[in-house]
Amino acid sequence: MPSEHEHVQILRELKEQFKPLFQNSQEGVYLYIDEVHKICSEKFARMFGLTVKEWEEMEGFVNKHAVEKDQELIINNYHSHIHQSLTPAHFQATVIRKDGSKFKVEIDMIPIPWRGEVLALHFFREV
């Protein structure tokens, strides 16, 4: 298991590597190692009424920004697709902006191996 320092280094590398995707994607994008170590695109953060810094410093994204009935769906897809079968997942969920308003999204969740870790690359688009 990588140390805190290694996670920070991985995030630094990923920000550079995925910069073109984050800047040019028509969808909101984020990369997730764990609740503390994650990065997102400006478009993704804005979808939720947040800044990139607010989102990246937030602990507990799913429990704060997904409706209760969809929290388990997102978490189960993450565990089964990212940590077990290593296959992409495609599903819909209802999520919540910072102001409390709700909206439906399509989510693509893709496992990405990186320096001994399996990360989750997410694409969010409003539907």
N, C-alpha and C. Protein backbone atom coordinates (compact mmCIF):
# COMPACT_ATOMS: atom_id res chain seq x y z
N MET A 1 0.85 -1.18 0.00
CA MET A 1 0.00 0.00 0.00
C MET A 1 0.89 1.24 0.00
N PRO A 2 0.72 2.12 -0.99
CA PRO A 2 1.55 3.33 -1.03
C PRO A 2 1.32 4.23 0.17
N SER A 3 2.36 4.96 0.52
CA SER A 3 2.30 5.89 1.65
C SER A 3 1.58 7.17 1.23
N GLU A 4 1.32 8.03 2.21
CA GLU A 4 0.70 9.33 1.96
C GLU A 4 1.55 10.12 0.95
N HIS A 5 2.86 10.12 1.15
CA HIS A 5 3.76 10.83 0.24
C HIS A 5 3.65 10.27 -1.18
N GLU A 6 3.58 8.95 -1.30
CA GLU A 6 3.47 8.33 -2.63
C GLU A 6 2.13 8.69 -3.28
N HIS A 7 1.04 8.73 -2.51
CA HIS A 7 -0.25 9.14 -3.06
C HIS A 7 -0.19 10.58 -3.58
N VAL A 8 0.43 11.46 -2.82
CA VAL A 8 0.56 12.85 -3.24
C VAL A 8 1.37 12.93 -4.53
N GLN A 9 2.45 12.16 -4.63
CA GLN A 9 3.27 12.13 -5.84
C GLN A 9 2.47 11.58 -7.02
N ILE A 10 1.69 10.52 -6.79
CA ILE A 10 0.86 9.95 -7.84
C ILE A 10 -0.12 11.00 -8.35
N LEU A 11 -0.77 11.74 -7.44
CA LEU A 11 -1.71 12.78 -7.85
C LEU A 11 -1.04 13.87 -8.67
N ARG A 12 0.15 14.25 -8.27
CA ARG A 12 0.91 15.27 -9.01
C ARG A 12 1.16 14.79 -10.45
N GLU A 13 1.59 13.54 -10.59
CA GLU A 13 1.84 12.97 -11.92
C GLU A 13 0.55 12.88 -12.73
N LEU A 14 -0.51 12.45 -12.08
CA LEU A 14 -1.79 12.30 -12.78
C LEU A 14 -2.33 13.63 -13.25
N LYS A 15 -2.20 14.68 -12.44
CA LYS A 15 -2.67 16.01 -12.85
C LYS A 15 -1.99 16.43 -14.14
N GLU A 16 -0.71 16.17 -14.23
CA GLU A 16 0.04 16.52 -15.44
C GLU A 16 -0.37 15.62 -16.61
N GLN A 17 -0.42 14.34 -16.39
CA GLN A 17 -0.73 13.36 -17.43
C GLN A 17 -2.14 13.57 -18.01
N PHE A 18 -3.11 13.85 -17.15
CA PHE A 18 -4.50 13.93 -17.58
C PHE A 18 -4.97 15.36 -17.84
N LYS A 19 -4.06 16.32 -17.77
CA LYS A 19 -4.41 17.73 -17.98
C LYS A 19 -5.17 17.97 -19.28
N PRO A 20 -4.72 17.43 -20.43
CA PRO A 20 -5.48 17.65 -21.67
C PRO A 20 -6.91 17.10 -21.60
N LEU A 21 -7.09 15.96 -20.99
CA LEU A 21 -8.43 15.38 -20.85
C LEU A 21 -9.29 16.26 -19.95
N PHE A 22 -8.75 16.66 -18.81
CA PHE A 22 -9.50 17.49 -17.87
C PHE A 22 -9.88 18.83 -18.50
N GLN A 23 -9.00 19.40 -19.30
CA GLN A 23 -9.26 20.72 -19.89
C GLN A 23 -10.20 20.65 -21.09
N ASN A 24 -10.19 19.53 -21.83
CA ASN A 24 -10.91 19.49 -23.11
C ASN A 24 -12.15 18.62 -23.13
N SER A 25 -12.37 17.80 -22.12
CA SER A 25 -13.53 16.91 -22.12
C SER A 25 -14.82 17.70 -22.03
N GLN A 26 -15.81 17.28 -22.79
CA GLN A 26 -17.14 17.88 -22.72
C GLN A 26 -17.90 17.40 -21.49
N GLU A 27 -17.35 16.40 -20.80
CA GLU A 27 -17.98 15.82 -19.62
C GLU A 27 -17.16 16.20 -18.38
N GLY A 28 -17.79 16.09 -17.22
CA GLY A 28 -17.07 16.29 -15.97
C GLY A 28 -16.23 15.05 -15.71
N VAL A 29 -14.98 15.23 -15.31
CA VAL A 29 -14.05 14.10 -15.14
C VAL A 29 -13.39 14.17 -13.77
N TYR A 30 -13.25 13.00 -13.15
CA TYR A 30 -12.41 12.94 -11.96
C TYR A 30 -11.71 11.61 -11.86
N LEU A 31 -10.53 11.65 -11.22
CA LEU A 31 -9.72 10.46 -10.94
C LEU A 31 -9.69 10.28 -9.43
N TYR A 32 -9.89 9.03 -9.02
CA TYR A 32 -10.07 8.74 -7.60
C TYR A 32 -9.13 7.63 -7.17
N ILE A 33 -8.32 7.91 -6.16
CA ILE A 33 -7.54 6.86 -5.48
C ILE A 33 -8.32 6.44 -4.24
N ASP A 34 -8.69 7.43 -3.43
CA ASP A 34 -9.50 7.20 -2.24
C ASP A 34 -10.14 8.53 -1.86
N GLU A 35 -10.89 8.56 -0.76
CA GLU A 35 -11.63 9.77 -0.37
C GLU A 35 -10.73 11.00 -0.20
N VAL A 36 -9.50 10.81 0.16
CA VAL A 36 -8.58 11.93 0.39
C VAL A 36 -7.79 12.26 -0.87
N HIS A 37 -7.45 11.27 -1.67
CA HIS A 37 -6.58 11.45 -2.83
C HIS A 37 -7.39 11.33 -4.12
N LYS A 38 -7.75 12.51 -4.66
CA LYS A 38 -8.57 12.56 -5.86
C LYS A 38 -8.35 13.90 -6.55
N ILE A 39 -8.59 13.94 -7.85
CA ILE A 39 -8.48 15.17 -8.62
C ILE A 39 -9.68 15.24 -9.57
N CYS A 40 -10.06 16.47 -9.93
CA CYS A 40 -11.20 16.61 -10.84
C CYS A 40 -10.98 17.77 -11.81
N SER A 41 -11.80 17.74 -12.85
CA SER A 41 -11.78 18.83 -13.82
C SER A 41 -12.64 19.99 -13.31
N GLU A 42 -12.38 21.16 -13.86
CA GLU A 42 -13.16 22.35 -13.53
C GLU A 42 -14.63 22.11 -13.88
N LYS A 43 -14.89 21.50 -15.02
CA LYS A 43 -16.27 21.23 -15.45
C LYS A 43 -16.98 20.34 -14.44
N PHE A 44 -16.30 19.32 -13.93
CA PHE A 44 -16.90 18.42 -12.94
C PHE A 44 -17.26 19.20 -11.67
N ALA A 45 -16.31 19.96 -11.15
CA ALA A 45 -16.56 20.73 -9.92
C ALA A 45 -17.73 21.69 -10.10
N ARG A 46 -17.78 22.39 -11.23
CA ARG A 46 -18.86 23.35 -11.49
C ARG A 46 -20.22 22.67 -11.54
N MET A 47 -20.27 21.42 -12.04
CA MET A 47 -21.55 20.68 -12.06
C MET A 47 -22.19 20.64 -10.68
N PHE A 48 -21.35 20.59 -9.67
CA PHE A 48 -21.81 20.45 -8.30
C PHE A 48 -21.81 21.78 -7.54
N GLY A 49 -21.51 22.88 -8.25
CA GLY A 49 -21.49 24.18 -7.60
C GLY A 49 -20.28 24.37 -6.70
N LEU A 50 -19.21 23.66 -7.01
CA LEU A 50 -17.99 23.69 -6.19
C LEU A 50 -16.82 24.21 -7.00
N THR A 51 -15.75 24.56 -6.32
CA THR A 51 -14.48 24.82 -6.99
C THR A 51 -13.70 23.50 -7.00
N VAL A 52 -12.69 23.41 -7.84
CA VAL A 52 -11.84 22.22 -7.87
C VAL A 52 -11.23 22.00 -6.49
N LYS A 53 -10.75 23.07 -5.88
CA LYS A 53 -10.12 22.97 -4.56
C LYS A 53 -11.11 22.44 -3.51
N GLU A 54 -12.33 22.97 -3.51
CA GLU A 54 -13.34 22.49 -2.56
C GLU A 54 -13.58 21.00 -2.73
N TRP A 55 -13.74 20.57 -3.99
CA TRP A 55 -14.03 19.15 -4.24
C TRP A 55 -12.85 18.28 -3.84
N GLU A 56 -11.65 18.69 -4.23
CA GLU A 56 -10.47 17.86 -3.95
C GLU A 56 -10.18 17.77 -2.46
N GLU A 57 -10.58 18.78 -1.69
CA GLU A 57 -10.34 18.75 -0.25
C GLU A 57 -11.48 18.09 0.53
N MET A 58 -12.57 17.81 -0.15
CA MET A 58 -13.75 17.23 0.49
C MET A 58 -13.52 15.75 0.81
N GLU A 59 -13.92 15.34 1.98
CA GLU A 59 -13.94 13.92 2.30
C GLU A 59 -15.38 13.45 2.22
N GLY A 60 -15.61 12.33 1.59
CA GLY A 60 -16.95 11.78 1.54
C GLY A 60 -17.81 12.35 0.43
N PHE A 61 -17.34 12.37 -0.79
CA PHE A 61 -18.11 12.90 -1.92
C PHE A 61 -19.45 12.18 -2.11
N VAL A 62 -19.46 10.87 -2.19
CA VAL A 62 -20.69 10.13 -2.49
C VAL A 62 -21.75 10.37 -1.41
N ASN A 63 -21.36 10.31 -0.15
CA ASN A 63 -22.36 10.47 0.91
C ASN A 63 -22.89 11.90 1.02
N LYS A 64 -22.23 12.86 0.38
CA LYS A 64 -22.68 14.25 0.41
C LYS A 64 -23.37 14.68 -0.88
N HIS A 65 -22.99 14.06 -1.99
CA HIS A 65 -23.45 14.55 -3.29
C HIS A 65 -24.17 13.52 -4.15
N ALA A 66 -24.62 12.44 -3.56
CA ALA A 66 -25.51 11.50 -4.25
C ALA A 66 -26.73 11.32 -3.37
N VAL A 67 -27.91 11.21 -4.00
CA VAL A 67 -29.11 10.98 -3.19
C VAL A 67 -28.93 9.65 -2.47
N GLU A 68 -29.57 9.55 -1.32
CA GLU A 68 -29.35 8.38 -0.46
C GLU A 68 -29.60 7.07 -1.19
N LYS A 69 -30.65 6.99 -1.99
CA LYS A 69 -30.98 5.73 -2.65
C LYS A 69 -29.92 5.32 -3.69
N ASP A 70 -29.11 6.25 -4.18
CA ASP A 70 -28.09 5.93 -5.19
C ASP A 70 -26.69 5.79 -4.62
N GLN A 71 -26.50 6.11 -3.35
CA GLN A 71 -25.17 6.00 -2.75
C GLN A 71 -24.64 4.57 -2.83
N GLU A 72 -25.46 3.61 -2.47
CA GLU A 72 -25.03 2.21 -2.49
C GLU A 72 -24.72 1.74 -3.91
N LEU A 73 -25.51 2.19 -4.88
CA LEU A 73 -25.27 1.85 -6.28
C LEU A 73 -23.87 2.30 -6.71
N ILE A 74 -23.52 3.54 -6.39
CA ILE A 74 -22.22 4.08 -6.79
C ILE A 74 -21.09 3.33 -6.08
N ILE A 75 -21.24 3.12 -4.80
CA ILE A 75 -20.20 2.43 -4.02
C ILE A 75 -20.05 0.98 -4.48
N ASN A 76 -21.16 0.29 -4.72
CA ASN A 76 -21.09 -1.11 -5.18
C ASN A 76 -20.46 -1.21 -6.56
N ASN A 77 -20.81 -0.29 -7.46
CA ASN A 77 -20.17 -0.30 -8.79
C ASN A 77 -18.67 -0.07 -8.67
N TYR A 78 -18.29 0.85 -7.80
CA TYR A 78 -16.87 1.12 -7.59
C TYR A 78 -16.14 -0.15 -7.11
N HIS A 79 -16.67 -0.78 -6.08
CA HIS A 79 -15.99 -1.96 -5.53
C HIS A 79 -15.98 -3.13 -6.51
N SER A 80 -17.11 -3.38 -7.17
CA SER A 80 -17.15 -4.54 -8.05
C SER A 80 -16.39 -4.32 -9.35
N HIS A 81 -16.43 -3.12 -9.92
CA HIS A 81 -15.77 -2.89 -11.21
C HIS A 81 -14.32 -2.45 -11.08
N ILE A 82 -14.01 -1.65 -10.07
CA ILE A 82 -12.65 -1.13 -9.95
C ILE A 82 -11.75 -2.10 -9.19
N HIS A 83 -12.28 -2.74 -8.16
CA HIS A 83 -11.43 -3.60 -7.32
C HIS A 83 -11.61 -5.08 -7.54
N GLN A 84 -12.65 -5.50 -8.23
CA GLN A 84 -12.85 -6.94 -8.42
C GLN A 84 -12.70 -7.35 -9.88
N SER A 85 -13.64 -6.93 -10.73
CA SER A 85 -13.61 -7.41 -12.12
C SER A 85 -12.70 -6.58 -13.03
N LEU A 86 -12.30 -5.39 -12.59
CA LEU A 86 -11.47 -4.48 -13.40
C LEU A 86 -12.08 -4.25 -14.78
N THR A 87 -13.38 -3.95 -14.77
CA THR A 87 -14.11 -3.67 -16.00
C THR A 87 -14.82 -2.33 -15.87
N PRO A 88 -15.09 -1.65 -16.98
CA PRO A 88 -15.82 -0.38 -16.92
C PRO A 88 -17.25 -0.59 -16.44
N ALA A 89 -17.81 0.43 -15.83
CA ALA A 89 -19.21 0.44 -15.43
C ALA A 89 -19.88 1.65 -16.06
N HIS A 90 -21.13 1.49 -16.45
CA HIS A 90 -21.93 2.57 -17.02
C HIS A 90 -23.29 2.52 -16.33
N PHE A 91 -23.68 3.63 -15.69
CA PHE A 91 -24.95 3.65 -14.96
C PHE A 91 -25.41 5.08 -14.77
N GLN A 92 -26.65 5.23 -14.28
CA GLN A 92 -27.20 6.55 -13.98
C GLN A 92 -27.43 6.68 -12.48
N ALA A 93 -27.35 7.92 -12.00
CA ALA A 93 -27.62 8.20 -10.60
C ALA A 93 -28.15 9.63 -10.49
N THR A 94 -28.77 9.90 -9.38
CA THR A 94 -29.21 11.27 -9.08
C THR A 94 -28.25 11.83 -8.05
N VAL A 95 -27.75 13.03 -8.35
CA VAL A 95 -26.74 13.66 -7.49
C VAL A 95 -27.23 15.03 -7.04
N ILE A 96 -26.49 15.61 -6.10
CA ILE A 96 -26.93 16.83 -5.43
C ILE A 96 -25.85 17.92 -5.52
N ARG A 97 -26.26 19.08 -5.98
CA ARG A 97 -25.35 20.23 -6.01
C ARG A 97 -25.17 20.79 -4.60
N LYS A 98 -24.17 21.64 -4.45
CA LYS A 98 -23.90 22.30 -3.17
C LYS A 98 -25.12 23.06 -2.66
N ASP A 99 -25.92 23.62 -3.58
CA ASP A 99 -27.11 24.38 -3.18
C ASP A 99 -28.31 23.50 -2.83
N GLY A 100 -28.14 22.17 -2.94
CA GLY A 100 -29.21 21.24 -2.60
C GLY A 100 -30.05 20.78 -3.77
N SER A 101 -29.91 21.41 -4.93
CA SER A 101 -30.69 20.99 -6.10
C SER A 101 -30.17 19.64 -6.60
N LYS A 102 -31.08 18.86 -7.17
CA LYS A 102 -30.74 17.51 -7.63
C LYS A 102 -30.76 17.45 -9.14
N PHE A 103 -29.93 16.58 -9.70
CA PHE A 103 -29.92 16.36 -11.14
C PHE A 103 -29.45 14.94 -11.43
N LYS A 104 -29.86 14.44 -12.59
CA LYS A 104 -29.53 13.08 -12.99
C LYS A 104 -28.28 13.11 -13.86
N VAL A 105 -27.41 12.12 -13.64
CA VAL A 105 -26.19 12.00 -14.43
C VAL A 105 -26.02 10.58 -14.94
N GLU A 106 -25.33 10.48 -16.05
CA GLU A 106 -24.80 9.20 -16.53
C GLU A 106 -23.36 9.17 -16.09
N ILE A 107 -22.93 8.03 -15.59
CA ILE A 107 -21.57 7.88 -15.09
C ILE A 107 -20.88 6.74 -15.81
N ASP A 108 -19.69 7.00 -16.29
CA ASP A 108 -18.79 5.94 -16.77
C ASP A 108 -17.67 5.88 -15.76
N MET A 109 -17.42 4.69 -15.24
CA MET A 109 -16.38 4.47 -14.23
C MET A 109 -15.41 3.44 -14.83
N ILE A 110 -14.15 3.83 -14.95
CA ILE A 110 -13.18 3.01 -15.66
C ILE A 110 -11.96 2.76 -14.77
N PRO A 111 -11.56 1.49 -14.59
CA PRO A 111 -10.36 1.22 -13.80
C PRO A 111 -9.11 1.60 -14.60
N ILE A 112 -8.17 2.27 -13.94
CA ILE A 112 -6.91 2.69 -14.56
C ILE A 112 -5.76 2.23 -13.66
N PRO A 113 -4.91 1.30 -14.13
CA PRO A 113 -3.75 0.94 -13.32
C PRO A 113 -2.69 2.03 -13.40
N TRP A 114 -2.09 2.36 -12.25
CA TRP A 114 -1.07 3.40 -12.22
C TRP A 114 -0.13 3.13 -11.06
N ARG A 115 1.12 2.81 -11.38
CA ARG A 115 2.17 2.61 -10.36
C ARG A 115 1.73 1.71 -9.21
N GLY A 116 1.14 0.59 -9.53
CA GLY A 116 0.75 -0.37 -8.51
C GLY A 116 -0.59 -0.12 -7.88
N GLU A 117 -1.26 0.95 -8.25
CA GLU A 117 -2.60 1.28 -7.74
C GLU A 117 -3.60 1.02 -8.86
N VAL A 118 -4.85 0.79 -8.49
CA VAL A 118 -5.93 0.80 -9.47
C VAL A 118 -6.79 2.01 -9.12
N LEU A 119 -6.80 2.97 -10.03
CA LEU A 119 -7.55 4.20 -9.84
C LEU A 119 -8.88 4.09 -10.58
N ALA A 120 -9.80 4.95 -10.21
CA ALA A 120 -11.09 4.99 -10.90
C ALA A 120 -11.20 6.32 -11.66
N LEU A 121 -11.29 6.22 -12.97
CA LEU A 121 -11.51 7.39 -13.83
C LEU A 121 -13.01 7.48 -14.05
N HIS A 122 -13.59 8.63 -13.70
CA HIS A 122 -15.04 8.84 -13.82
C HIS A 122 -15.35 9.92 -14.84
N PHE A 123 -16.37 9.67 -15.64
CA PHE A 123 -16.92 10.67 -16.54
C PHE A 123 -18.37 10.88 -16.13
N PHE A 124 -18.76 12.13 -15.87
CA PHE A 124 -20.14 12.47 -15.49
C PHE A 124 -20.73 13.37 -16.57
N ARG A 125 -21.94 13.07 -16.99
CA ARG A 125 -22.66 13.95 -17.90
C ARG A 125 -24.11 14.05 -17.45
N GLU A 126 -24.63 15.27 -17.46
CA GLU A 126 -26.02 15.47 -17.08
C GLU A 126 -26.93 14.89 -18.15
N VAL A 127 -28.03 14.29 -17.69
CA VAL A 127 -29.02 13.72 -18.62
C VAL A 127 -30.39 14.31 -18.35
